[in-house]
Amino acid sequence: MVAGDTLEKALELVGGERARTHGDKYINHSRIAALWNAYLRNAGSAVELDPTDVALMMALLKIARTQSGGAHNEDNYVDLAGYAGVAAETAAIDRAD
């Protein structure tokens, strides 16, 4: 898969199948942030995550999976590109508020 194919597949998923499955990206990542923040508060952390943090941390998860030593999995790279796009979108929304 070449770079353009990876990006096109990510765009297709983020704007299509994943959007239909998971709903609005900003709302979904806001909900995840709220749940992760509750978990962190319970663990004694003062860190407060936002939707962009969630997308960036999910991108890090995908990066970690590329280092698992297993077979090459193109989905990790597609999802990584998708999370980068989601992070950019949520960051723009947060700055507009």
N, C-alpha and C. Protein backbone atom coordinates (compact mmCIF):
# COMPACT_ATOMS: atom_id res chain seq x y z
N MET A 1 0.86 -1.18 0.00
CA MET A 1 0.00 0.00 0.00
C MET A 1 0.90 1.23 0.00
N VAL A 2 0.67 2.13 -0.92
CA VAL A 2 1.44 3.37 -0.97
C VAL A 2 0.79 4.43 -0.09
N ALA A 3 1.53 5.50 0.19
CA ALA A 3 1.06 6.54 1.11
C ALA A 3 -0.33 7.05 0.75
N GLY A 4 -0.53 7.34 -0.53
CA GLY A 4 -1.84 7.86 -0.96
C GLY A 4 -2.96 6.88 -0.69
N ASP A 5 -2.70 5.60 -0.88
CA ASP A 5 -3.72 4.57 -0.60
C ASP A 5 -4.06 4.54 0.88
N THR A 6 -3.03 4.65 1.72
CA THR A 6 -3.25 4.66 3.17
C THR A 6 -4.12 5.83 3.56
N LEU A 7 -3.81 7.00 3.05
CA LEU A 7 -4.57 8.21 3.39
C LEU A 7 -5.99 8.15 2.85
N GLU A 8 -6.14 7.65 1.64
CA GLU A 8 -7.49 7.53 1.06
C GLU A 8 -8.35 6.56 1.87
N LYS A 9 -7.78 5.44 2.29
CA LYS A 9 -8.52 4.47 3.10
C LYS A 9 -8.89 5.09 4.44
N ALA A 10 -7.97 5.83 5.06
CA ALA A 10 -8.26 6.50 6.34
C ALA A 10 -9.39 7.50 6.16
N LEU A 11 -9.34 8.28 5.10
CA LEU A 11 -10.41 9.25 4.83
C LEU A 11 -11.75 8.56 4.63
N GLU A 12 -11.73 7.47 3.89
CA GLU A 12 -12.95 6.71 3.65
C GLU A 12 -13.55 6.19 4.97
N LEU A 13 -12.70 5.69 5.85
CA LEU A 13 -13.19 5.15 7.12
C LEU A 13 -13.66 6.24 8.07
N VAL A 14 -12.85 7.29 8.22
CA VAL A 14 -13.18 8.36 9.17
C VAL A 14 -14.47 9.07 8.77
N GLY A 15 -14.66 9.28 7.49
CA GLY A 15 -15.85 9.98 7.03
C GLY A 15 -17.01 9.07 6.68
N GLY A 16 -16.78 7.77 6.67
CA GLY A 16 -17.82 6.84 6.24
C GLY A 16 -18.18 5.83 7.30
N GLU A 17 -17.59 4.64 7.17
CA GLU A 17 -17.94 3.51 8.03
C GLU A 17 -17.81 3.83 9.52
N ARG A 18 -16.68 4.41 9.91
CA ARG A 18 -16.47 4.71 11.34
C ARG A 18 -17.43 5.79 11.82
N ALA A 19 -17.71 6.76 10.98
CA ALA A 19 -18.65 7.81 11.34
C ALA A 19 -20.03 7.22 11.57
N ARG A 20 -20.43 6.29 10.72
CA ARG A 20 -21.75 5.65 10.88
C ARG A 20 -21.77 4.76 12.12
N THR A 21 -20.68 4.08 12.39
CA THR A 21 -20.62 3.16 13.52
C THR A 21 -20.51 3.88 14.85
N HIS A 22 -19.65 4.92 14.91
CA HIS A 22 -19.33 5.56 16.19
C HIS A 22 -19.94 6.94 16.37
N GLY A 23 -20.53 7.49 15.35
CA GLY A 23 -21.15 8.81 15.46
C GLY A 23 -20.15 9.95 15.31
N ASP A 24 -20.58 11.11 15.70
CA ASP A 24 -19.78 12.32 15.57
C ASP A 24 -18.43 12.15 16.27
N LYS A 25 -17.35 12.48 15.56
CA LYS A 25 -15.99 12.30 16.08
C LYS A 25 -15.76 13.13 17.35
N TYR A 26 -16.18 14.37 17.32
CA TYR A 26 -15.92 15.24 18.47
C TYR A 26 -16.68 14.74 19.70
N ILE A 27 -17.93 14.42 19.53
CA ILE A 27 -18.74 13.93 20.66
C ILE A 27 -18.17 12.61 21.18
N ASN A 28 -17.82 11.70 20.28
CA ASN A 28 -17.28 10.42 20.68
C ASN A 28 -15.97 10.58 21.47
N HIS A 29 -15.07 11.41 20.97
CA HIS A 29 -13.79 11.61 21.66
C HIS A 29 -13.97 12.41 22.95
N SER A 30 -14.98 13.25 23.01
CA SER A 30 -15.29 13.95 24.26
C SER A 30 -15.76 12.97 25.32
N ARG A 31 -16.59 12.02 24.92
CA ARG A 31 -17.06 10.99 25.86
C ARG A 31 -15.91 10.14 26.37
N ILE A 32 -15.04 9.75 25.46
CA ILE A 32 -13.87 8.97 25.87
C ILE A 32 -13.02 9.77 26.85
N ALA A 33 -12.79 11.05 26.55
CA ALA A 33 -12.01 11.91 27.44
C ALA A 33 -12.65 11.98 28.82
N ALA A 34 -13.96 12.11 28.88
CA ALA A 34 -14.66 12.19 30.18
C ALA A 34 -14.46 10.90 30.98
N LEU A 35 -14.54 9.77 30.31
CA LEU A 35 -14.35 8.49 31.01
C LEU A 35 -12.91 8.30 31.44
N TRP A 36 -11.97 8.64 30.56
CA TRP A 36 -10.56 8.53 30.94
C TRP A 36 -10.23 9.51 32.07
N ASN A 37 -10.81 10.71 32.05
CA ASN A 37 -10.58 11.68 33.12
C ASN A 37 -11.10 11.16 34.45
N ALA A 38 -12.27 10.53 34.44
CA ALA A 38 -12.80 9.95 35.68
C ALA A 38 -11.85 8.87 36.20
N TYR A 39 -11.34 8.05 35.32
CA TYR A 39 -10.39 7.01 35.70
C TYR A 39 -9.13 7.64 36.29
N LEU A 40 -8.60 8.66 35.62
CA LEU A 40 -7.39 9.32 36.10
C LEU A 40 -7.60 10.01 37.44
N ARG A 41 -8.75 10.68 37.62
CA ARG A 41 -9.05 11.32 38.91
C ARG A 41 -9.10 10.28 40.02
N ASN A 42 -9.74 9.15 39.74
CA ASN A 42 -9.83 8.08 40.73
C ASN A 42 -8.45 7.54 41.09
N ALA A 43 -7.52 7.60 40.14
CA ALA A 43 -6.15 7.13 40.39
C ALA A 43 -5.28 8.22 41.02
N GLY A 44 -5.88 9.39 41.27
CA GLY A 44 -5.17 10.46 41.95
C GLY A 44 -4.46 11.45 41.03
N SER A 45 -4.74 11.40 39.75
CA SER A 45 -4.10 12.30 38.80
C SER A 45 -4.89 13.60 38.66
N ALA A 46 -4.17 14.69 38.45
CA ALA A 46 -4.81 15.98 38.20
C ALA A 46 -4.84 16.29 36.70
N VAL A 47 -4.38 15.37 35.88
CA VAL A 47 -4.37 15.56 34.43
C VAL A 47 -5.80 15.60 33.91
N GLU A 48 -6.05 16.49 32.98
CA GLU A 48 -7.37 16.62 32.37
C GLU A 48 -7.20 16.51 30.86
N LEU A 49 -7.75 15.45 30.28
CA LEU A 49 -7.63 15.20 28.85
C LEU A 49 -8.80 15.82 28.08
N ASP A 50 -8.53 16.16 26.83
CA ASP A 50 -9.59 16.66 25.97
C ASP A 50 -9.71 15.74 24.75
N PRO A 51 -10.68 15.98 23.87
CA PRO A 51 -10.87 15.10 22.72
C PRO A 51 -9.62 14.95 21.84
N THR A 52 -8.84 16.01 21.71
CA THR A 52 -7.63 15.93 20.90
C THR A 52 -6.60 15.02 21.56
N ASP A 53 -6.48 15.10 22.89
CA ASP A 53 -5.59 14.19 23.60
C ASP A 53 -5.97 12.74 23.33
N VAL A 54 -7.27 12.46 23.34
CA VAL A 54 -7.75 11.10 23.08
C VAL A 54 -7.29 10.63 21.70
N ALA A 55 -7.51 11.45 20.69
CA ALA A 55 -7.11 11.06 19.33
C ALA A 55 -5.60 10.85 19.23
N LEU A 56 -4.82 11.73 19.86
CA LEU A 56 -3.37 11.59 19.82
C LEU A 56 -2.91 10.35 20.59
N MET A 57 -3.56 10.06 21.69
CA MET A 57 -3.20 8.86 22.45
C MET A 57 -3.58 7.59 21.70
N MET A 58 -4.68 7.63 20.97
CA MET A 58 -5.04 6.48 20.14
C MET A 58 -4.04 6.31 19.00
N ALA A 59 -3.52 7.42 18.48
CA ALA A 59 -2.46 7.34 17.47
C ALA A 59 -1.22 6.68 18.07
N LEU A 60 -0.89 7.02 19.30
CA LEU A 60 0.24 6.38 19.97
C LEU A 60 0.01 4.89 20.15
N LEU A 61 -1.22 4.50 20.45
CA LEU A 61 -1.54 3.07 20.54
C LEU A 61 -1.24 2.38 19.22
N LYS A 62 -1.63 3.01 18.12
CA LYS A 62 -1.39 2.42 16.80
C LYS A 62 0.11 2.35 16.52
N ILE A 63 0.87 3.36 16.93
CA ILE A 63 2.32 3.33 16.77
C ILE A 63 2.90 2.17 17.57
N ALA A 64 2.45 2.00 18.80
CA ALA A 64 2.93 0.90 19.63
C ALA A 64 2.64 -0.45 18.98
N ARG A 65 1.50 -0.58 18.36
CA ARG A 65 1.16 -1.84 17.70
C ARG A 65 2.07 -2.14 16.52
N THR A 66 2.62 -1.10 15.88
CA THR A 66 3.54 -1.36 14.77
C THR A 66 4.85 -1.95 15.27
N GLN A 67 5.10 -1.82 16.57
CA GLN A 67 6.35 -2.30 17.15
C GLN A 67 6.18 -3.63 17.89
N SER A 68 5.06 -4.29 17.67
CA SER A 68 4.77 -5.51 18.42
C SER A 68 5.59 -6.71 17.96
N GLY A 69 6.25 -6.58 16.82
CA GLY A 69 7.05 -7.68 16.33
C GLY A 69 6.28 -8.69 15.50
N GLY A 70 4.98 -8.48 15.39
CA GLY A 70 4.16 -9.38 14.59
C GLY A 70 4.25 -9.04 13.12
N ALA A 71 3.40 -9.67 12.37
CA ALA A 71 3.36 -9.43 10.93
C ALA A 71 2.92 -7.99 10.65
N HIS A 72 3.37 -7.46 9.53
CA HIS A 72 2.97 -6.12 9.09
C HIS A 72 1.44 -6.06 8.97
N ASN A 73 0.85 -5.03 9.57
CA ASN A 73 -0.60 -4.86 9.53
C ASN A 73 -0.91 -3.47 9.00
N GLU A 74 -1.35 -3.40 7.77
CA GLU A 74 -1.65 -2.11 7.14
C GLU A 74 -2.70 -1.31 7.91
N ASP A 75 -3.61 -2.00 8.58
CA ASP A 75 -4.67 -1.32 9.33
C ASP A 75 -4.10 -0.38 10.38
N ASN A 76 -2.97 -0.74 10.99
CA ASN A 76 -2.37 0.15 11.99
C ASN A 76 -2.02 1.50 11.38
N TYR A 77 -1.50 1.49 10.16
CA TYR A 77 -1.10 2.72 9.50
C TYR A 77 -2.32 3.51 9.01
N VAL A 78 -3.32 2.81 8.55
CA VAL A 78 -4.56 3.48 8.14
C VAL A 78 -5.20 4.15 9.35
N ASP A 79 -5.30 3.41 10.46
CA ASP A 79 -5.89 3.98 11.67
C ASP A 79 -5.06 5.13 12.22
N LEU A 80 -3.73 5.02 12.15
CA LEU A 80 -2.85 6.09 12.59
C LEU A 80 -3.13 7.37 11.80
N ALA A 81 -3.25 7.23 10.48
CA ALA A 81 -3.57 8.40 9.64
C ALA A 81 -4.95 8.96 10.00
N GLY A 82 -5.90 8.07 10.25
CA GLY A 82 -7.24 8.50 10.62
C GLY A 82 -7.25 9.27 11.93
N TYR A 83 -6.53 8.76 12.93
CA TYR A 83 -6.47 9.46 14.22
C TYR A 83 -5.77 10.80 14.11
N ALA A 84 -4.78 10.91 13.24
CA ALA A 84 -4.14 12.21 13.01
C ALA A 84 -5.15 13.21 12.47
N GLY A 85 -5.98 12.76 11.54
CA GLY A 85 -7.02 13.63 11.00
C GLY A 85 -8.05 14.02 12.04
N VAL A 86 -8.45 13.07 12.87
CA VAL A 86 -9.41 13.36 13.94
C VAL A 86 -8.80 14.36 14.92
N ALA A 87 -7.53 14.18 15.26
CA ALA A 87 -6.86 15.10 16.19
C ALA A 87 -6.85 16.52 15.62
N ALA A 88 -6.55 16.64 14.34
CA ALA A 88 -6.54 17.97 13.72
C ALA A 88 -7.93 18.59 13.75
N GLU A 89 -8.95 17.78 13.47
CA GLU A 89 -10.32 18.29 13.46
C GLU A 89 -10.78 18.71 14.85
N THR A 90 -10.52 17.88 15.86
CA THR A 90 -10.96 18.23 17.22
C THR A 90 -10.19 19.43 17.75
N ALA A 91 -8.90 19.53 17.41
CA ALA A 91 -8.12 20.69 17.84
C ALA A 91 -8.67 21.98 17.25
N ALA A 92 -9.09 21.92 16.00
CA ALA A 92 -9.68 23.10 15.36
C ALA A 92 -10.98 23.50 16.02
N ILE A 93 -11.80 22.51 16.40
CA ILE A 93 -13.06 22.79 17.08
C ILE A 93 -12.80 23.41 18.45
N ASP A 94 -11.84 22.85 19.19
CA ASP A 94 -11.52 23.38 20.51
C ASP A 94 -10.99 24.82 20.45
N ARG A 95 -10.22 25.12 19.43
CA ARG A 95 -9.69 26.49 19.29
C ARG A 95 -10.78 27.47 18.90
N ALA A 96 -11.83 26.98 18.23
CA ALA A 96 -12.92 27.85 17.81
C ALA A 96 -13.84 28.21 18.96
N ASP A 97 -13.81 27.40 20.03
CA ASP A 97 -14.72 27.65 21.17
C ASP A 97 -14.26 28.81 22.02
